[in-house]
C-alpha cells in the first residue's frame, strides 16, 4: 500500500533551512508540524493534508483533512 501511495505522491526533503525556520517561528507550537509546513512551503506545495488541522493555524498554505481534501478535489 505504501509503495502505491509513494508512486502517486511527491515527497519533499527537509533540510537545515526548514529546521531553522521551524525553530525561529514563534507561532509554531509543534516542531514536527513546523518541519512539515516549511518543507511544503519550500517545495511549493498547493495544500497540506493532515488529520491535525488545528495545529496548522499559522499556515498560509491551505490545510485539509483527508476527507475534506477528497471531497473538494476528487469528488
PDB file of N, CA and C in Angstrom:
ATOM      1  N   UNK A   1       0.813  -1.190   0.000  1.00  0.00           N
ATOM      2  CA  UNK A   1       0.000   0.000   0.000  1.00  0.00           C
ATOM      3  C   UNK A   1       0.865   1.266   0.000  1.00  0.00           C
ATOM      4  N   UNK A   2       1.921   1.238   0.792  1.00  0.00           N
ATOM      5  CA  UNK A   2       2.778   2.420   0.859  1.00  0.00           C
ATOM      6  C   UNK A   2       3.484   2.634  -0.473  1.00  0.00           C
ATOM      7  N   UNK A   3       3.897   1.555  -1.131  1.00  0.00           N
ATOM      8  CA  UNK A   3       4.536   1.703  -2.437  1.00  0.00           C
ATOM      9  C   UNK A   3       3.601   2.341  -3.448  1.00  0.00           C
ATOM     10  N   UNK A   4       2.340   1.965  -3.428  1.00  0.00           N
ATOM     11  CA  UNK A   4       1.358   2.557  -4.342  1.00  0.00           C
ATOM     12  C   UNK A   4       1.191   4.041  -4.027  1.00  0.00           C
ATOM     13  N   UNK A   5       1.074   4.366  -2.762  1.00  0.00           N
ATOM     14  CA  UNK A   5       0.916   5.758  -2.352  1.00  0.00           C
ATOM     15  C   UNK A   5       2.122   6.594  -2.771  1.00  0.00           C
ATOM     16  N   UNK A   6       3.308   6.095  -2.520  1.00  0.00           N
ATOM     17  CA  UNK A   6       4.535   6.822  -2.852  1.00  0.00           C
ATOM     18  C   UNK A   6       4.658   7.026  -4.359  1.00  0.00           C
ATOM     19  N   UNK A   7       4.176   6.085  -5.141  1.00  0.00           N
ATOM     20  CA  UNK A   7       4.261   6.232  -6.592  1.00  0.00           C
ATOM     21  C   UNK A   7       3.340   7.339  -7.102  1.00  0.00           C
ATOM     22  N   UNK A   8       2.348   7.739  -6.312  1.00  0.00           N
ATOM     23  CA  UNK A   8       1.383   8.764  -6.723  1.00  0.00           C
ATOM     24  C   UNK A   8       1.681  10.142  -6.148  1.00  0.00           C
ATOM     25  N   UNK A   9       2.583  10.225  -5.186  1.00  0.00           N
ATOM     26  CA  UNK A   9       2.867  11.474  -4.491  1.00  0.00           C
ATOM     27  C   UNK A   9       4.305  11.903  -4.683  1.00  0.00           C
ATOM     28  N   UNK A  10       4.539  13.186  -4.502  1.00  0.00           N
ATOM     29  CA  UNK A  10       5.910  13.686  -4.423  1.00  0.00           C
ATOM     30  C   UNK A  10       6.273  13.765  -2.951  1.00  0.00           C
ATOM     31  N   UNK A  11       7.500  13.451  -2.644  1.00  0.00           N
ATOM     32  CA  UNK A  11       7.977  13.515  -1.270  1.00  0.00           C
ATOM     33  C   UNK A  11       9.113  14.530  -1.230  1.00  0.00           C
ATOM     34  N   UNK A  12       8.997  15.464  -0.328  1.00  0.00           N
ATOM     35  CA  UNK A  12       9.962  16.551  -0.254  1.00  0.00           C
ATOM     36  C   UNK A  12      11.047  16.259   0.779  1.00  0.00           C
ATOM     37  N   UNK A  13      12.128  16.991   0.659  1.00  0.00           N
ATOM     38  CA  UNK A  13      13.220  16.884   1.619  1.00  0.00           C
ATOM     39  C   UNK A  13      13.044  17.920   2.720  1.00  0.00           C
ATOM     40  N   UNK A  14      13.644  17.643   3.852  1.00  0.00           N
ATOM     41  CA  UNK A  14      13.717  18.607   4.942  1.00  0.00           C
ATOM     42  C   UNK A  14      15.191  18.819   5.235  1.00  0.00           C
ATOM     43  N   UNK A  15      15.592  20.061   5.193  1.00  0.00           N
ATOM     44  CA  UNK A  15      16.992  20.382   5.429  1.00  0.00           C
ATOM     45  C   UNK A  15      17.164  21.413   6.525  1.00  0.00           C
ATOM     46  N   UNK A  16      18.348  21.945   6.594  1.00  0.00           N
ATOM     47  CA  UNK A  16      18.714  22.910   7.631  1.00  0.00           C
ATOM     48  C   UNK A  16      17.795  24.129   7.611  1.00  0.00           C
ATOM     49  N   UNK A  17      17.476  24.632   6.422  1.00  0.00           N
ATOM     50  CA  UNK A  17      16.631  25.824   6.299  1.00  0.00           C
ATOM     51  C   UNK A  17      15.265  25.605   6.947  1.00  0.00           C
ATOM     52  N   UNK A  18      14.654  24.452   6.686  1.00  0.00           N
ATOM     53  CA  UNK A  18      13.340  24.155   7.244  1.00  0.00           C
ATOM     54  C   UNK A  18      13.404  23.991   8.755  1.00  0.00           C
ATOM     55  N   UNK A  19      14.466  23.386   9.248  1.00  0.00           N
ATOM     56  CA  UNK A  19      14.649  23.224  10.694  1.00  0.00           C
ATOM     57  C   UNK A  19      14.771  24.590  11.367  1.00  0.00           C
ATOM     58  N   UNK A  20      15.597  25.456  10.801  1.00  0.00           N
ATOM     59  CA  UNK A  20      15.795  26.779  11.399  1.00  0.00           C
ATOM     60  C   UNK A  20      14.522  27.621  11.365  1.00  0.00           C
ATOM     61  N   UNK A  21      13.792  27.576  10.247  1.00  0.00           N
ATOM     62  CA  UNK A  21      12.523  28.315  10.184  1.00  0.00           C
ATOM     63  C   UNK A  21      11.546  27.809  11.247  1.00  0.00           C
ATOM     64  N   UNK A  22      11.485  26.509  11.431  1.00  0.00           N
ATOM     65  CA  UNK A  22      10.584  25.931  12.435  1.00  0.00           C
ATOM     66  C   UNK A  22      10.945  26.392  13.838  1.00  0.00           C
ATOM     67  N   UNK A  23      12.216  26.457  14.122  1.00  0.00           N
ATOM     68  CA  UNK A  23      12.672  26.897  15.441  1.00  0.00           C
ATOM     69  C   UNK A  23      12.454  28.393  15.655  1.00  0.00           C
ATOM     70  N   UNK A  24      12.596  29.182  14.595  1.00  0.00           N
ATOM     71  CA  UNK A  24      12.539  30.636  14.721  1.00  0.00           C
ATOM     72  C   UNK A  24      11.120  31.193  14.720  1.00  0.00           C
ATOM     73  N   UNK A  25      10.167  30.466  14.146  1.00  0.00           N
ATOM     74  CA  UNK A  25       8.798  30.968  14.074  1.00  0.00           C
ATOM     75  C   UNK A  25       8.094  30.719  15.407  1.00  0.00           C
ATOM     76  N   UNK A  26       7.840  31.775  16.152  1.00  0.00           N
ATOM     77  CA  UNK A  26       7.219  31.657  17.481  1.00  0.00           C
ATOM     78  C   UNK A  26       5.778  31.180  17.416  1.00  0.00           C
ATOM     79  N   UNK A  27       5.144  31.247  16.241  1.00  0.00           N
ATOM     80  CA  UNK A  27       3.775  30.762  16.085  1.00  0.00           C
ATOM     81  C   UNK A  27       3.714  29.236  16.041  1.00  0.00           C
ATOM     82  N   UNK A  28       4.837  28.600  15.744  1.00  0.00           N
ATOM     83  CA  UNK A  28       4.882  27.136  15.634  1.00  0.00           C
ATOM     84  C   UNK A  28       5.007  26.544  17.030  1.00  0.00           C
ATOM     85  N   UNK A  29       3.943  25.857  17.473  1.00  0.00           N
ATOM     86  CA  UNK A  29       3.966  25.226  18.800  1.00  0.00           C
ATOM     87  C   UNK A  29       4.468  23.794  18.754  1.00  0.00           C
ATOM     88  N   UNK A  30       4.344  23.147  17.608  1.00  0.00           N
ATOM     89  CA  UNK A  30       4.763  21.756  17.457  1.00  0.00           C
ATOM     90  C   UNK A  30       5.866  21.711  16.404  1.00  0.00           C
ATOM     91  N   UNK A  31       7.064  21.365  16.824  1.00  0.00           N
ATOM     92  CA  UNK A  31       8.238  21.387  15.947  1.00  0.00           C
ATOM     93  C   UNK A  31       8.027  20.552  14.690  1.00  0.00           C
ATOM     94  N   UNK A  32       7.468  19.359  14.834  1.00  0.00           N
ATOM     95  CA  UNK A  32       7.252  18.488  13.667  1.00  0.00           C
ATOM     96  C   UNK A  32       6.277  19.112  12.671  1.00  0.00           C
ATOM     97  N   UNK A  33       5.240  19.773  13.173  1.00  0.00           N
ATOM     98  CA  UNK A  33       4.318  20.466  12.279  1.00  0.00           C
ATOM     99  C   UNK A  33       5.030  21.597  11.548  1.00  0.00           C
ATOM    100  N   UNK A  34       5.917  22.274  12.248  1.00  0.00           N
ATOM    101  CA  UNK A  34       6.711  23.323  11.613  1.00  0.00           C
ATOM    102  C   UNK A  34       7.583  22.776  10.502  1.00  0.00           C
ATOM    103  N   UNK A  35       8.192  21.625  10.754  1.00  0.00           N
ATOM    104  CA  UNK A  35       9.000  20.992   9.706  1.00  0.00           C
ATOM    105  C   UNK A  35       8.149  20.652   8.490  1.00  0.00           C
ATOM    106  N   UNK A  36       6.970  20.087   8.736  1.00  0.00           N
ATOM    107  CA  UNK A  36       6.073  19.742   7.631  1.00  0.00           C
ATOM    108  C   UNK A  36       5.669  20.994   6.854  1.00  0.00           C
ATOM    109  N   UNK A  37       5.320  22.043   7.572  1.00  0.00           N
ATOM    110  CA  UNK A  37       4.901  23.274   6.922  1.00  0.00           C
ATOM    111  C   UNK A  37       6.021  23.861   6.068  1.00  0.00           C
ATOM    112  N   UNK A  38       7.208  24.005   6.635  1.00  0.00           N
ATOM    113  CA  UNK A  38       8.295  24.628   5.882  1.00  0.00           C
ATOM    114  C   UNK A  38       8.809  23.740   4.755  1.00  0.00           C
ATOM    115  N   UNK A  39       8.697  22.427   4.892  1.00  0.00           N
ATOM    116  CA  UNK A  39       9.022  21.541   3.777  1.00  0.00           C
ATOM    117  C   UNK A  39       8.010  21.744   2.651  1.00  0.00           C
ATOM    118  N   UNK A  40       6.736  21.862   3.007  1.00  0.00           N
ATOM    119  CA  UNK A  40       5.691  22.107   2.000  1.00  0.00           C
ATOM    120  C   UNK A  40       5.907  23.460   1.322  1.00  0.00           C
ATOM    121  N   UNK A  41       6.226  24.464   2.116  1.00  0.00           N
ATOM    122  CA  UNK A  41       6.461  25.802   1.567  1.00  0.00           C
ATOM    123  C   UNK A  41       7.664  25.797   0.618  1.00  0.00           C
ATOM    124  N   UNK A  42       8.749  25.159   1.025  1.00  0.00           N
ATOM    125  CA  UNK A  42       9.955  25.114   0.193  1.00  0.00           C
ATOM    126  C   UNK A  42       9.730  24.375  -1.122  1.00  0.00           C
ATOM    127  N   UNK A  43       8.803  23.436  -1.095  1.00  0.00           N
ATOM    128  CA  UNK A  43       8.522  22.637  -2.288  1.00  0.00           C
ATOM    129  C   UNK A  43       7.363  23.187  -3.105  1.00  0.00           C
ATOM    130  N   UNK A  44       6.866  24.360  -2.710  1.00  0.00           N
ATOM    131  CA  UNK A  44       5.752  24.992  -3.414  1.00  0.00           C
ATOM    132  C   UNK A  44       4.513  24.110  -3.480  1.00  0.00           C
ATOM    133  N   UNK A  45       4.228  23.441  -2.377  1.00  0.00           N
ATOM    134  CA  UNK A  45       3.033  22.600  -2.308  1.00  0.00           C
ATOM    135  C   UNK A  45       1.784  23.473  -2.321  1.00  0.00           C
ATOM    136  N   UNK A  46       0.726  22.948  -2.921  1.00  0.00           N
ATOM    137  CA  UNK A  46      -0.539  23.671  -3.002  1.00  0.00           C
ATOM    138  C   UNK A  46      -1.398  23.488  -1.762  1.00  0.00           C
ATOM    139  N   UNK A  47      -1.251  22.353  -1.095  1.00  0.00           N
ATOM    140  CA  UNK A  47      -2.048  22.050   0.099  1.00  0.00           C
ATOM    141  C   UNK A  47      -1.223  21.209   1.064  1.00  0.00           C
ATOM    142  N   UNK A  48      -1.662  21.210   2.316  1.00  0.00           N
ATOM    143  CA  UNK A  48      -1.143  20.293   3.328  1.00  0.00           C
ATOM    144  C   UNK A  48      -2.324  19.426   3.745  1.00  0.00           C
ATOM    145  N   UNK A  49      -2.120  18.118   3.754  1.00  0.00           N
ATOM    146  CA  UNK A  49      -3.164  17.184   4.168  1.00  0.00           C
ATOM    147  C   UNK A  49      -2.734  16.562   5.481  1.00  0.00           C
ATOM    148  N   UNK A  50      -3.561  16.753   6.515  1.00  0.00           N
ATOM    149  CA  UNK A  50      -3.248  16.264   7.853  1.00  0.00           C
ATOM    150  C   UNK A  50      -4.546  16.030   8.617  1.00  0.00           C
ATOM    151  N   UNK A  51      -4.500  15.170   9.579  1.00  0.00           N
ATOM    152  CA  UNK A  51      -5.666  14.976  10.447  1.00  0.00           C
ATOM    153  C   UNK A  51      -5.606  15.916  11.656  1.00  0.00           C
ATOM    154  N   UNK A  52      -4.543  16.690  11.755  1.00  0.00           N
ATOM    155  CA  UNK A  52      -4.367  17.663  12.843  1.00  0.00           C
ATOM    156  C   UNK A  52      -4.442  19.084  12.297  1.00  0.00           C
ATOM    157  N   UNK A  53      -5.552  19.410  11.664  1.00  0.00           N
ATOM    158  CA  UNK A  53      -5.717  20.711  11.013  1.00  0.00           C
ATOM    159  C   UNK A  53      -5.451  21.865  11.971  1.00  0.00           C
ATOM    160  N   UNK A  54      -5.930  21.772  13.186  1.00  0.00           N
ATOM    161  CA  UNK A  54      -5.788  22.873  14.144  1.00  0.00           C
ATOM    162  C   UNK A  54      -4.342  23.207  14.463  1.00  0.00           C
ATOM    163  N   UNK A  55      -3.427  22.264  14.267  1.00  0.00           N
ATOM    164  CA  UNK A  55      -2.013  22.515  14.540  1.00  0.00           C
ATOM    165  C   UNK A  55      -1.370  23.432  13.502  1.00  0.00           C
ATOM    166  N   UNK A  56      -2.059  23.642  12.379  1.00  0.00           N
ATOM    167  CA  UNK A  56      -1.509  24.446  11.290  1.00  0.00           C
ATOM    168  C   UNK A  56      -2.204  25.798  11.176  1.00  0.00           C
ATOM    169  N   UNK A  57      -2.617  26.353  12.319  1.00  0.00           N
ATOM    170  CA  UNK A  57      -3.317  27.646  12.346  1.00  0.00           C
ATOM    171  C   UNK A  57      -2.467  28.760  11.768  1.00  0.00           C
ATOM    172  N   UNK A  58      -1.172  28.597  11.734  1.00  0.00           N
ATOM    173  CA  UNK A  58      -0.246  29.618  11.255  1.00  0.00           C
ATOM    174  C   UNK A  58       0.018  29.520   9.754  1.00  0.00           C
ATOM    175  N   UNK A  59      -0.529  28.503   9.097  1.00  0.00           N
ATOM    176  CA  UNK A  59      -0.193  28.195   7.709  1.00  0.00           C
ATOM    177  C   UNK A  59      -0.805  29.168   6.715  1.00  0.00           C
ATOM    178  N   UNK A  60      -0.002  29.592   5.757  1.00  0.00           N
ATOM    179  CA  UNK A  60      -0.522  30.363   4.631  1.00  0.00           C
ATOM    180  C   UNK A  60      -0.883  29.431   3.474  1.00  0.00           C
ATOM    181  N   UNK A  61      -0.555  28.149   3.614  1.00  0.00           N
ATOM    182  CA  UNK A  61      -0.924  27.124   2.642  1.00  0.00           C
ATOM    183  C   UNK A  61      -2.245  26.513   3.110  1.00  0.00           C
ATOM    184  N   UNK A  62      -3.215  26.315   2.201  1.00  0.00           N
ATOM    185  CA  UNK A  62      -4.473  25.690   2.628  1.00  0.00           C
ATOM    186  C   UNK A  62      -4.225  24.316   3.265  1.00  0.00           C
ATOM    187  N   UNK A  63      -4.965  24.029   4.336  1.00  0.00           N
ATOM    188  CA  UNK A  63      -4.799  22.780   5.088  1.00  0.00           C
ATOM    189  C   UNK A  63      -6.135  22.038   5.093  1.00  0.00           C
ATOM    190  N   UNK A  64      -6.103  20.760   4.735  1.00  0.00           N
ATOM    191  CA  UNK A  64      -7.298  19.918   4.689  1.00  0.00           C
ATOM    192  C   UNK A  64      -7.053  18.636   5.457  1.00  0.00           C
ATOM    193  N   UNK A  65      -8.136  18.054   6.002  1.00  0.00           N
ATOM    194  CA  UNK A  65      -8.003  16.673   6.446  1.00  0.00           C
ATOM    195  C   UNK A  65      -8.246  15.804   5.222  1.00  0.00           C
ATOM    196  N   UNK A  66      -8.004  14.526   5.321  1.00  0.00           N
ATOM    197  CA  UNK A  66      -8.054  13.666   4.132  1.00  0.00           C
ATOM    198  C   UNK A  66      -9.434  13.645   3.487  1.00  0.00           C
ATOM    199  N   UNK A  67     -10.475  13.599   4.292  1.00  0.00           N
ATOM    200  CA  UNK A  67     -11.825  13.541   3.736  1.00  0.00           C
ATOM    201  C   UNK A  67     -12.195  14.846   3.047  1.00  0.00           C
ATOM    202  N   UNK A  68     -11.917  15.980   3.686  1.00  0.00           N
ATOM    203  CA  UNK A  68     -12.265  17.255   3.055  1.00  0.00           C
ATOM    204  C   UNK A  68     -11.454  17.486   1.785  1.00  0.00           C
ATOM    205  N   UNK A  69     -10.210  17.023   1.749  1.00  0.00           N
ATOM    206  CA  UNK A  69      -9.411  17.131   0.534  1.00  0.00           C
ATOM    207  C   UNK A  69     -10.045  16.322  -0.592  1.00  0.00           C
ATOM    208  N   UNK A  70     -10.408  15.081  -0.305  1.00  0.00           N
ATOM    209  CA  UNK A  70     -11.032  14.238  -1.327  1.00  0.00           C
ATOM    210  C   UNK A  70     -12.353  14.827  -1.812  1.00  0.00           C
ATOM    211  N   UNK A  71     -13.151  15.332  -0.882  1.00  0.00           N
ATOM    212  CA  UNK A  71     -14.429  15.928  -1.264  1.00  0.00           C
ATOM    213  C   UNK A  71     -14.254  17.145  -2.151  1.00  0.00           C
ATOM    214  N   UNK A  72     -13.259  17.957  -1.854  1.00  0.00           N
ATOM    215  CA  UNK A  72     -13.055  19.187  -2.611  1.00  0.00           C
ATOM    216  C   UNK A  72     -12.367  18.948  -3.946  1.00  0.00           C
ATOM    217  N   UNK A  73     -11.412  18.039  -3.990  1.00  0.00           N
ATOM    218  CA  UNK A  73     -10.558  17.914  -5.170  1.00  0.00           C
ATOM    219  C   UNK A  73     -10.819  16.690  -6.042  1.00  0.00           C
ATOM    220  N   UNK A  74     -11.480  15.689  -5.514  1.00  0.00           N
ATOM    221  CA  UNK A  74     -11.635  14.475  -6.317  1.00  0.00           C
ATOM    222  C   UNK A  74     -13.091  14.057  -6.568  1.00  0.00           C
ATOM    223  N   UNK A  75     -14.003  14.583  -5.777  1.00  0.00           N
ATOM    224  CA  UNK A  75     -15.397  14.172  -5.959  1.00  0.00           C
ATOM    225  C   UNK A  75     -16.155  15.241  -6.709  1.00  0.00           C
TER     226      UNK A  75
END
